[in-house]
Amino acid sequence: MEMLSAEKNRRSSLRAKMPQHLDRHIQWLEEEIRALDEEIEQLAQ
C-alpha cells in the first residue's frame, strides 16, 4: 500500500512515456494487493 501510494504520487510529475511504465507498475501493485487480501481472508477464516 505504501509503494502504491508513492507511485501514484510520482505519476503527476512524469513526462513522455514514463507514465505508461508507472501505470503498469501501479496495476501490478493493485493486483498483488487484491491477491494478498484474498489470502489474508482465507487465513482468517
All heavy atoms as atom14 arrays in JSON, in Angstrom:
{
  "sequence": "MEMLSAEKNRRSSLRAKMPQHLDRHIQWLEEEIRALDEEIEQLAQ",
  "atom14_mask": [
    [1, 1, 1, 1, 1, 1, 1, 1, 0, 0, 0, 0, 0, 0],
    [1, 1, 1, 1, 1, 1, 1, 1, 1, 0, 0, 0, 0, 0],
    [1, 1, 1, 1, 1, 1, 1, 1, 0, 0, 0, 0, 0, 0],
    [1, 1, 1, 1, 1, 1, 1, 1, 0, 0, 0, 0, 0, 0],
    [1, 1, 1, 1, 1, 1, 0, 0, 0, 0, 0, 0, 0, 0],
    [1, 1, 1, 1, 1, 0, 0, 0, 0, 0, 0, 0, 0, 0],
    [1, 1, 1, 1, 1, 1, 1, 1, 1, 0, 0, 0, 0, 0],
    [1, 1, 1, 1, 1, 1, 1, 1, 1, 0, 0, 0, 0, 0],
    [1, 1, 1, 1, 1, 1, 1, 1, 0, 0, 0, 0, 0, 0],
    [1, 1, 1, 1, 1, 1, 1, 1, 1, 1, 1, 0, 0, 0],
    [1, 1, 1, 1, 1, 1, 1, 1, 1, 1, 1, 0, 0, 0],
    [1, 1, 1, 1, 1, 1, 0, 0, 0, 0, 0, 0, 0, 0],
    [1, 1, 1, 1, 1, 1, 0, 0, 0, 0, 0, 0, 0, 0],
    [1, 1, 1, 1, 1, 1, 1, 1, 0, 0, 0, 0, 0, 0],
    [1, 1, 1, 1, 1, 1, 1, 1, 1, 1, 1, 0, 0, 0],
    [1, 1, 1, 1, 1, 0, 0, 0, 0, 0, 0, 0, 0, 0],
    [1, 1, 1, 1, 1, 1, 1, 1, 1, 0, 0, 0, 0, 0],
    [1, 1, 1, 1, 1, 1, 1, 1, 0, 0, 0, 0, 0, 0],
    [1, 1, 1, 1, 1, 1, 1, 0, 0, 0, 0, 0, 0, 0],
    [1, 1, 1, 1, 1, 1, 1, 1, 1, 0, 0, 0, 0, 0],
    [1, 1, 1, 1, 1, 1, 1, 1, 1, 1, 0, 0, 0, 0],
    [1, 1, 1, 1, 1, 1, 1, 1, 0, 0, 0, 0, 0, 0],
    [1, 1, 1, 1, 1, 1, 1, 1, 0, 0, 0, 0, 0, 0],
    [1, 1, 1, 1, 1, 1, 1, 1, 1, 1, 1, 0, 0, 0],
    [1, 1, 1, 1, 1, 1, 1, 1, 1, 1, 0, 0, 0, 0],
    [1, 1, 1, 1, 1, 1, 1, 1, 0, 0, 0, 0, 0, 0],
    [1, 1, 1, 1, 1, 1, 1, 1, 1, 0, 0, 0, 0, 0],
    [1, 1, 1, 1, 1, 1, 1, 1, 1, 1, 1, 1, 1, 1],
    [1, 1, 1, 1, 1, 1, 1, 1, 0, 0, 0, 0, 0, 0],
    [1, 1, 1, 1, 1, 1, 1, 1, 1, 0, 0, 0, 0, 0],
    [1, 1, 1, 1, 1, 1, 1, 1, 1, 0, 0, 0, 0, 0],
    [1, 1, 1, 1, 1, 1, 1, 1, 1, 0, 0, 0, 0, 0],
    [1, 1, 1, 1, 1, 1, 1, 1, 0, 0, 0, 0, 0, 0],
    [1, 1, 1, 1, 1, 1, 1, 1, 1, 1, 1, 0, 0, 0],
    [1, 1, 1, 1, 1, 0, 0, 0, 0, 0, 0, 0, 0, 0],
    [1, 1, 1, 1, 1, 1, 1, 1, 0, 0, 0, 0, 0, 0],
    [1, 1, 1, 1, 1, 1, 1, 1, 0, 0, 0, 0, 0, 0],
    [1, 1, 1, 1, 1, 1, 1, 1, 1, 0, 0, 0, 0, 0],
    [1, 1, 1, 1, 1, 1, 1, 1, 1, 0, 0, 0, 0, 0],
    [1, 1, 1, 1, 1, 1, 1, 1, 0, 0, 0, 0, 0, 0],
    [1, 1, 1, 1, 1, 1, 1, 1, 1, 0, 0, 0, 0, 0],
    [1, 1, 1, 1, 1, 1, 1, 1, 1, 0, 0, 0, 0, 0],
    [1, 1, 1, 1, 1, 1, 1, 1, 0, 0, 0, 0, 0, 0],
    [1, 1, 1, 1, 1, 0, 0, 0, 0, 0, 0, 0, 0, 0],
    [1, 1, 1, 1, 1, 1, 1, 1, 1, 0, 0, 0, 0, 0]
  ],
  "atom14_positions": [
    [[0.83, -1.21, 0.0], [0.0, 0.0, 0.0], [0.86, 1.26, 0.0], [0.55, 2.24, -0.68], [-0.94, 0.0, 1.21], [-2.03, -1.05, 1.15], [-3.14, -0.87, -0.26], [-3.94, 0.67, 0.12], [0.0, 0.0, 0.0], [0.0, 0.0, 0.0], [0.0, 0.0, 0.0], [0.0, 0.0, 0.0], [0.0, 0.0, 0.0], [0.0, 0.0, 0.0]],
    [[1.97, 1.23, 0.74], [2.88, 2.38, 0.77], [3.51, 2.59, -0.61], [3.63, 3.72, -1.08], [3.96, 2.18, 1.83], [3.43, 2.31, 3.24], [4.45, 1.91, 4.31], [5.6, 1.56, 3.96], [4.08, 1.95, 5.49], [0.0, 0.0, 0.0], [0.0, 0.0, 0.0], [0.0, 0.0, 0.0], [0.0, 0.0, 0.0], [0.0, 0.0, 0.0]],
    [[3.91, 1.48, -1.27], [4.5, 1.58, -2.6], [3.47, 2.13, -3.59], [3.8, 2.98, -4.43], [5.0, 0.22, -3.08], [6.3, -0.2, -2.43], [6.99, -1.68, -3.21], [6.11, -2.95, -2.31], [0.0, 0.0, 0.0], [0.0, 0.0, 0.0], [0.0, 0.0, 0.0], [0.0, 0.0, 0.0], [0.0, 0.0, 0.0], [0.0, 0.0, 0.0]],
    [[2.24, 1.64, -3.49], [1.18, 2.1, -4.38], [0.94, 3.6, -4.22], [0.84, 4.34, -5.2], [-0.1, 1.32, -4.12], [-1.32, 1.69, -4.96], [-1.05, 1.48, -6.43], [-2.54, 0.89, -4.5], [0.0, 0.0, 0.0], [0.0, 0.0, 0.0], [0.0, 0.0, 0.0], [0.0, 0.0, 0.0], [0.0, 0.0, 0.0], [0.0, 0.0, 0.0]],
    [[0.89, 4.05, -3.01], [0.69, 5.47, -2.74], [1.84, 6.3, -3.3], [1.62, 7.35, -3.94], [0.57, 5.7, -1.24], [0.41, 7.06, -0.95], [0.0, 0.0, 0.0], [0.0, 0.0, 0.0], [0.0, 0.0, 0.0], [0.0, 0.0, 0.0], [0.0, 0.0, 0.0], [0.0, 0.0, 0.0], [0.0, 0.0, 0.0], [0.0, 0.0, 0.0]],
    [[3.06, 5.84, -3.12], [4.23, 6.56, -3.63], [4.21, 6.64, -5.15], [4.48, 7.7, -5.73], [5.51, 5.89, -3.15], [0.0, 0.0, 0.0], [0.0, 0.0, 0.0], [0.0, 0.0, 0.0], [0.0, 0.0, 0.0], [0.0, 0.0, 0.0], [0.0, 0.0, 0.0], [0.0, 0.0, 0.0], [0.0, 0.0, 0.0], [0.0, 0.0, 0.0]],
    [[3.86, 5.53, -5.8], [3.83, 5.52, -7.26], [2.74, 6.44, -7.8], [2.94, 7.14, -8.79], [3.62, 4.09, -7.78], [4.79, 3.16, -7.5], [6.04, 3.5, -8.26], [6.6, 4.6, -8.05], [6.48, 2.67, -9.06], [0.0, 0.0, 0.0], [0.0, 0.0, 0.0], [0.0, 0.0, 0.0], [0.0, 0.0, 0.0], [0.0, 0.0, 0.0]],
    [[1.59, 6.45, -7.16], [0.52, 7.34, -7.59], [0.92, 8.81, -7.42], [0.59, 9.65, -8.26], [-0.77, 7.05, -6.83], [-1.44, 5.77, -7.31], [-2.74, 5.52, -6.56], [-3.47, 4.31, -7.1], [-4.75, 4.08, -6.41], [0.0, 0.0, 0.0], [0.0, 0.0, 0.0], [0.0, 0.0, 0.0], [0.0, 0.0, 0.0], [0.0, 0.0, 0.0]],
    [[1.62, 9.1, -6.35], [2.1, 10.48, -6.13], [3.15, 10.87, -7.17], [3.19, 12.01, -7.62], [2.68, 10.63, -4.73], [1.62, 10.59, -3.66], [0.45, 10.86, -3.91], [2.02, 10.22, -2.46], [0.0, 0.0, 0.0], [0.0, 0.0, 0.0], [0.0, 0.0, 0.0], [0.0, 0.0, 0.0], [0.0, 0.0, 0.0], [0.0, 0.0, 0.0]],
    [[4.0, 9.94, -7.56], [5.05, 10.2, -8.55], [4.48, 10.46, -9.94], [5.06, 11.19, -10.73], [5.98, 8.99, -8.64], [7.26, 9.16, -7.92], [8.18, 7.97, -8.16], [8.71, 7.65, -6.86], [8.41, 6.6, -6.12], [7.61, 5.69, -6.57], [8.93, 6.44, -4.94], [0.0, 0.0, 0.0], [0.0, 0.0, 0.0], [0.0, 0.0, 0.0]],
    [[3.36, 9.83, -10.22], [2.8, 9.88, -11.56], [2.56, 11.31, -12.06], [2.75, 11.61, -13.23], [1.49, 9.1, -11.62], [1.04, 8.88, -13.04], [-0.22, 8.08, -13.12], [-0.51, 7.68, -14.48], [-0.7, 8.51, -15.5], [-0.61, 9.8, -15.33], [-0.97, 8.06, -16.7], [0.0, 0.0, 0.0], [0.0, 0.0, 0.0], [0.0, 0.0, 0.0]],
    [[2.16, 12.19, -11.18], [1.83, 13.56, -11.61], [3.05, 14.35, -12.09], [2.9, 15.33, -12.82], [1.15, 14.31, -10.47], [2.04, 14.44, -9.38], [0.0, 0.0, 0.0], [0.0, 0.0, 0.0], [0.0, 0.0, 0.0], [0.0, 0.0, 0.0], [0.0, 0.0, 0.0], [0.0, 0.0, 0.0], [0.0, 0.0, 0.0], [0.0, 0.0, 0.0]],
    [[4.24, 13.93, -11.75], [5.43, 14.69, -12.14], [6.19, 14.07, -13.31], [7.26, 14.53, -13.66], [6.37, 14.81, -10.94], [6.84, 13.54, -10.55], [0.0, 0.0, 0.0], [0.0, 0.0, 0.0], [0.0, 0.0, 0.0], [0.0, 0.0, 0.0], [0.0, 0.0, 0.0], [0.0, 0.0, 0.0], [0.0, 0.0, 0.0], [0.0, 0.0, 0.0]],
    [[5.64, 13.04, -13.94], [6.33, 12.36, -15.03], [5.93, 12.89, -16.4], [4.84, 13.42, -16.58], [6.05, 10.85, -14.97], [6.55, 10.14, -13.73], [6.15, 8.69, -13.78], [8.05, 10.26, -13.6], [0.0, 0.0, 0.0], [0.0, 0.0, 0.0], [0.0, 0.0, 0.0], [0.0, 0.0, 0.0], [0.0, 0.0, 0.0], [0.0, 0.0, 0.0]],
    [[6.83, 12.71, -17.36], [6.58, 13.15, -18.73], [6.83, 12.0, -19.7], [7.4, 10.98, -19.34], [7.51, 14.31, -19.09], [7.28, 15.5, -18.22], [8.21, 16.59, -18.6], [8.08, 17.66, -17.61], [8.74, 18.75, -17.63], [9.61, 18.98, -18.58], [8.57, 19.66, -16.7], [0.0, 0.0, 0.0], [0.0, 0.0, 0.0], [0.0, 0.0, 0.0]],
    [[6.46, 12.24, -20.94], [6.7, 11.32, -22.05], [6.12, 9.94, -21.78], [4.97, 9.82, -21.4], [8.18, 11.27, -22.38], [0.0, 0.0, 0.0], [0.0, 0.0, 0.0], [0.0, 0.0, 0.0], [0.0, 0.0, 0.0], [0.0, 0.0, 0.0], [0.0, 0.0, 0.0], [0.0, 0.0, 0.0], [0.0, 0.0, 0.0], [0.0, 0.0, 0.0]],
    [[6.94, 8.9, -21.98], [6.44, 7.52, -21.86], [6.48, 6.98, -20.44], [5.96, 5.91, -20.17], [7.26, 6.6, -22.76], [7.04, 6.88, -24.23], [7.76, 5.86, -25.07], [7.5, 6.13, -26.53], [8.09, 5.13, -27.39], [0.0, 0.0, 0.0], [0.0, 0.0, 0.0], [0.0, 0.0, 0.0], [0.0, 0.0, 0.0], [0.0, 0.0, 0.0]],
    [[7.09, 7.7, -19.55], [7.22, 7.19, -18.18], [5.87, 6.91, -17.5], [5.77, 5.93, -16.78], [8.06, 8.15, -17.33], [9.53, 8.15, -17.69], [10.28, 6.5, -17.7], [10.1, 6.03, -16.01], [0.0, 0.0, 0.0], [0.0, 0.0, 0.0], [0.0, 0.0, 0.0], [0.0, 0.0, 0.0], [0.0, 0.0, 0.0], [0.0, 0.0, 0.0]],
    [[4.84, 7.71, -17.71], [3.56, 7.38, -17.06], [3.04, 5.99, -17.44], [2.43, 5.31, -16.63], [2.61, 8.48, -17.53], [3.5, 9.64, -17.8], [4.77, 9.02, -18.36], [0.0, 0.0, 0.0], [0.0, 0.0, 0.0], [0.0, 0.0, 0.0], [0.0, 0.0, 0.0], [0.0, 0.0, 0.0], [0.0, 0.0, 0.0], [0.0, 0.0, 0.0]],
    [[3.32, 5.56, -18.68], [2.88, 4.22, -19.11], [3.56, 3.14, -18.28], [2.93, 2.17, -17.88], [3.18, 4.01, -20.59], [2.41, 4.94, -21.5], [2.92, 4.88, -22.93], [3.92, 4.23, -23.22], [2.22, 5.57, -23.82], [0.0, 0.0, 0.0], [0.0, 0.0, 0.0], [0.0, 0.0, 0.0], [0.0, 0.0, 0.0], [0.0, 0.0, 0.0]],
    [[4.85, 3.31, -18.04], [5.58, 2.35, -17.22], [5.05, 2.35, -15.79], [4.87, 1.31, -15.18], [7.09, 2.66, -17.22], [7.72, 2.53, -18.55], [8.03, 1.31, -19.12], [8.11, 3.46, -19.46], [8.57, 1.48, -20.29], [8.64, 2.79, -20.53], [0.0, 0.0, 0.0], [0.0, 0.0, 0.0], [0.0, 0.0, 0.0], [0.0, 0.0, 0.0]],
    [[4.81, 3.53, -15.3], [4.31, 3.68, -13.94], [2.91, 3.09, -13.81], [2.59, 2.43, -12.82], [4.31, 5.15, -13.53], [4.25, 5.43, -12.04], [5.39, 4.76, -11.31], [4.29, 6.92, -11.8], [0.0, 0.0, 0.0], [0.0, 0.0, 0.0], [0.0, 0.0, 0.0], [0.0, 0.0, 0.0], [0.0, 0.0, 0.0], [0.0, 0.0, 0.0]],
    [[2.08, 3.29, -14.84], [0.72, 2.73, -14.82], [0.77, 1.2, -14.74], [-0.03, 0.59, -14.03], [-0.07, 3.16, -16.06], [-0.48, 4.62, -16.0], [-0.46, 5.21, -14.9], [-0.81, 5.17, -17.06], [0.0, 0.0, 0.0], [0.0, 0.0, 0.0], [0.0, 0.0, 0.0], [0.0, 0.0, 0.0], [0.0, 0.0, 0.0], [0.0, 0.0, 0.0]],
    [[1.7, 0.59, -15.45], [1.84, -0.88, -15.39], [2.24, -1.32, -13.99], [1.75, -2.32, -13.48], [2.84, -1.37, -16.43], [2.29, -1.36, -17.83], [3.13, -2.2, -18.77], [4.53, -1.79, -18.82], [5.04, -0.93, -19.71], [4.26, -0.4, -20.63], [6.31, -0.63, -19.7], [0.0, 0.0, 0.0], [0.0, 0.0, 0.0], [0.0, 0.0, 0.0]],
    [[3.13, -0.56, -13.37], [3.56, -0.91, -12.02], [2.41, -0.72, -11.02], [2.21, -1.54, -10.14], [4.78, -0.09, -11.6], [5.4, -0.56, -10.33], [5.75, 0.28, -9.32], [5.7, -1.81, -9.89], [6.26, -0.42, -8.33], [6.24, -1.69, -8.65], [0.0, 0.0, 0.0], [0.0, 0.0, 0.0], [0.0, 0.0, 0.0], [0.0, 0.0, 0.0]],
    [[1.66, 0.35, -11.18], [0.5, 0.59, -10.31], [-0.51, -0.54, -10.45], [-1.03, -1.05, -9.46], [-0.13, 1.97, -10.62], [0.78, 3.09, -10.11], [-1.53, 2.08, -10.02], [0.37, 4.48, -10.56], [0.0, 0.0, 0.0], [0.0, 0.0, 0.0], [0.0, 0.0, 0.0], [0.0, 0.0, 0.0], [0.0, 0.0, 0.0], [0.0, 0.0, 0.0]],
    [[-0.76, -0.95, -11.69], [-1.69, -2.05, -11.92], [-1.19, -3.33, -11.26], [-1.95, -4.06, -10.63], [-1.89, -2.28, -13.42], [-2.88, -3.37, -13.74], [-3.05, -3.58, -15.24], [-2.4, -2.94, -16.05], [-3.95, -4.48, -15.6], [0.0, 0.0, 0.0], [0.0, 0.0, 0.0], [0.0, 0.0, 0.0], [0.0, 0.0, 0.0], [0.0, 0.0, 0.0]],
    [[0.1, -3.63, -11.39], [0.68, -4.81, -10.77], [0.52, -4.75, -9.25], [0.15, -5.75, -8.62], [2.16, -4.94, -11.14], [2.8, -6.14, -10.54], [2.78, -7.41, -11.01], [3.53, -6.18, -9.3], [3.46, -8.24, -10.15], [3.94, -7.52, -9.1], [3.89, -5.22, -8.37], [4.68, -7.91, -7.99], [4.63, -5.62, -7.26], [5.01, -6.94, -7.08]],
    [[0.81, -3.6, -8.66], [0.68, -3.45, -7.21], [-0.76, -3.68, -6.77], [-1.02, -4.37, -5.77], [1.15, -2.06, -6.76], [2.65, -1.81, -6.77], [2.95, -0.33, -6.61], [3.33, -2.63, -5.68], [0.0, 0.0, 0.0], [0.0, 0.0, 0.0], [0.0, 0.0, 0.0], [0.0, 0.0, 0.0], [0.0, 0.0, 0.0], [0.0, 0.0, 0.0]],
    [[-1.72, -3.13, -7.51], [-3.13, -3.31, -7.17], [-3.54, -4.78, -7.25], [-4.28, -5.27, -6.39], [-4.01, -2.45, -8.07], [-3.88, -0.98, -7.79], [-4.58, -0.08, -8.78], [-4.88, -0.51, -9.92], [-4.83, 1.09, -8.41], [0.0, 0.0, 0.0], [0.0, 0.0, 0.0], [0.0, 0.0, 0.0], [0.0, 0.0, 0.0], [0.0, 0.0, 0.0]],
    [[-3.03, -5.49, -8.25], [-3.33, -6.93, -8.38], [-2.72, -7.71, -7.22], [-3.35, -8.63, -6.69], [-2.81, -7.44, -9.72], [-3.61, -6.94, -10.9], [-2.96, -7.26, -12.23], [-1.93, -7.98, -12.27], [-3.48, -6.78, -13.26], [0.0, 0.0, 0.0], [0.0, 0.0, 0.0], [0.0, 0.0, 0.0], [0.0, 0.0, 0.0], [0.0, 0.0, 0.0]],
    [[-1.5, -7.37, -6.85], [-0.84, -8.05, -5.73], [-1.61, -7.81, -4.42], [-1.76, -8.72, -3.61], [0.6, -7.58, -5.58], [1.52, -8.09, -6.65], [1.66, -9.6, -6.61], [2.02, -10.16, -5.56], [1.4, -10.24, -7.65], [0.0, 0.0, 0.0], [0.0, 0.0, 0.0], [0.0, 0.0, 0.0], [0.0, 0.0, 0.0], [0.0, 0.0, 0.0]],
    [[-2.08, -6.6, -4.23], [-2.84, -6.28, -3.01], [-4.14, -7.08, -2.98], [-4.52, -7.64, -1.94], [-3.09, -4.76, -2.91], [-1.76, -4.04, -2.63], [-4.12, -4.44, -1.81], [-1.82, -2.54, -2.8], [0.0, 0.0, 0.0], [0.0, 0.0, 0.0], [0.0, 0.0, 0.0], [0.0, 0.0, 0.0], [0.0, 0.0, 0.0], [0.0, 0.0, 0.0]],
    [[-4.83, -7.16, -4.13], [-6.07, -7.95, -4.2], [-5.81, -9.42, -3.87], [-6.54, -10.04, -3.11], [-6.72, -7.83, -5.57], [-7.61, -6.61, -5.72], [-8.44, -6.7, -7.0], [-7.65, -6.6, -8.21], [-7.26, -5.46, -8.76], [-7.6, -4.31, -8.24], [-6.54, -5.46, -9.87], [0.0, 0.0, 0.0], [0.0, 0.0, 0.0], [0.0, 0.0, 0.0]],
    [[-4.75, -9.97, -4.46], [-4.41, -11.37, -4.2], [-4.05, -11.59, -2.73], [-4.45, -12.58, -2.12], [-3.25, -11.81, -5.1], [0.0, 0.0, 0.0], [0.0, 0.0, 0.0], [0.0, 0.0, 0.0], [0.0, 0.0, 0.0], [0.0, 0.0, 0.0], [0.0, 0.0, 0.0], [0.0, 0.0, 0.0], [0.0, 0.0, 0.0], [0.0, 0.0, 0.0]],
    [[-3.32, -10.66, -2.18], [-2.94, -10.76, -0.77], [-4.16, -10.64, 0.14], [-4.28, -11.35, 1.13], [-1.91, -9.69, -0.44], [-1.14, -9.83, 0.85], [-0.47, -11.18, 0.98], [-0.12, -8.72, 0.96], [0.0, 0.0, 0.0], [0.0, 0.0, 0.0], [0.0, 0.0, 0.0], [0.0, 0.0, 0.0], [0.0, 0.0, 0.0], [0.0, 0.0, 0.0]],
    [[-5.1, -9.77, -0.22], [-6.35, -9.64, 0.55], [-7.12, -10.96, 0.57], [-7.65, -11.36, 1.61], [-7.23, -8.53, -0.02], [-6.77, -7.14, 0.37], [-5.95, -7.01, 1.31], [-7.22, -6.18, -0.28], [0.0, 0.0, 0.0], [0.0, 0.0, 0.0], [0.0, 0.0, 0.0], [0.0, 0.0, 0.0], [0.0, 0.0, 0.0], [0.0, 0.0, 0.0]],
    [[-7.16, -11.64, -0.57], [-7.84, -12.93, -0.64], [-7.15, -13.96, 0.25], [-7.81, -14.72, 0.96], [-7.9, -13.42, -2.08], [-8.83, -12.63, -2.96], [-8.78, -13.05, -4.42], [-8.23, -14.14, -4.72], [-9.29, -12.3, -5.26], [0.0, 0.0, 0.0], [0.0, 0.0, 0.0], [0.0, 0.0, 0.0], [0.0, 0.0, 0.0], [0.0, 0.0, 0.0]],
    [[-5.83, -13.97, 0.2], [-5.07, -14.92, 1.02], [-5.27, -14.63, 2.51], [-5.45, -15.54, 3.31], [-3.59, -14.85, 0.66], [-2.75, -15.89, 1.37], [-1.3, -15.86, 0.93], [-0.98, -15.26, -0.12], [-0.48, -16.43, 1.65], [0.0, 0.0, 0.0], [0.0, 0.0, 0.0], [0.0, 0.0, 0.0], [0.0, 0.0, 0.0], [0.0, 0.0, 0.0]],
    [[-5.25, -13.37, 2.87], [-5.46, -12.98, 4.27], [-6.84, -13.4, 4.73], [-7.02, -13.92, 5.83], [-5.23, -11.46, 4.45], [-3.76, -11.12, 4.29], [-5.76, -10.99, 5.81], [-3.46, -9.64, 4.17], [0.0, 0.0, 0.0], [0.0, 0.0, 0.0], [0.0, 0.0, 0.0], [0.0, 0.0, 0.0], [0.0, 0.0, 0.0], [0.0, 0.0, 0.0]],
    [[-7.85, -13.2, 3.87], [-9.22, -13.59, 4.19], [-9.32, -15.09, 4.42], [-9.96, -15.55, 5.37], [-10.17, -13.15, 3.07], [-11.61, -13.53, 3.29], [-12.27, -12.8, 4.44], [-11.8, -11.7, 4.8], [-13.25, -13.32, 4.99], [0.0, 0.0, 0.0], [0.0, 0.0, 0.0], [0.0, 0.0, 0.0], [0.0, 0.0, 0.0], [0.0, 0.0, 0.0]],
    [[-8.68, -15.87, 3.57], [-8.7, -17.33, 3.73], [-8.03, -17.76, 5.03], [-8.53, -18.64, 5.73], [-8.02, -18.0, 2.54], [-8.79, -17.9, 1.26], [-8.01, -18.42, 0.07], [-6.86, -18.84, 0.19], [-8.63, -18.38, -1.11], [0.0, 0.0, 0.0], [0.0, 0.0, 0.0], [0.0, 0.0, 0.0], [0.0, 0.0, 0.0], [0.0, 0.0, 0.0]],
    [[-6.9, -17.14, 5.34], [-6.2, -17.48, 6.58], [-7.03, -17.1, 7.8], [-7.08, -17.84, 8.78], [-4.84, -16.78, 6.62], [-3.79, -17.29, 5.64], [-2.58, -16.37, 5.62], [-3.38, -18.71, 5.99], [0.0, 0.0, 0.0], [0.0, 0.0, 0.0], [0.0, 0.0, 0.0], [0.0, 0.0, 0.0], [0.0, 0.0, 0.0], [0.0, 0.0, 0.0]],
    [[-7.69, -15.96, 7.73], [-8.52, -15.51, 8.85], [-9.71, -16.44, 9.04], [-10.09, -16.75, 10.18], [-9.0, -14.08, 8.62], [0.0, 0.0, 0.0], [0.0, 0.0, 0.0], [0.0, 0.0, 0.0], [0.0, 0.0, 0.0], [0.0, 0.0, 0.0], [0.0, 0.0, 0.0], [0.0, 0.0, 0.0], [0.0, 0.0, 0.0], [0.0, 0.0, 0.0]],
    [[-10.3, -16.92, 7.95], [-11.43, -17.82, 8.05], [-11.01, -19.18, 8.6], [-11.82, -19.88, 9.21], [-12.1, -17.99, 6.69], [-12.88, -16.78, 6.28], [-13.56, -16.96, 4.94], [-13.53, -18.02, 4.34], [-14.2, -15.9, 4.46], [0.0, 0.0, 0.0], [0.0, 0.0, 0.0], [0.0, 0.0, 0.0], [0.0, 0.0, 0.0], [0.0, 0.0, 0.0]]
  ]
}
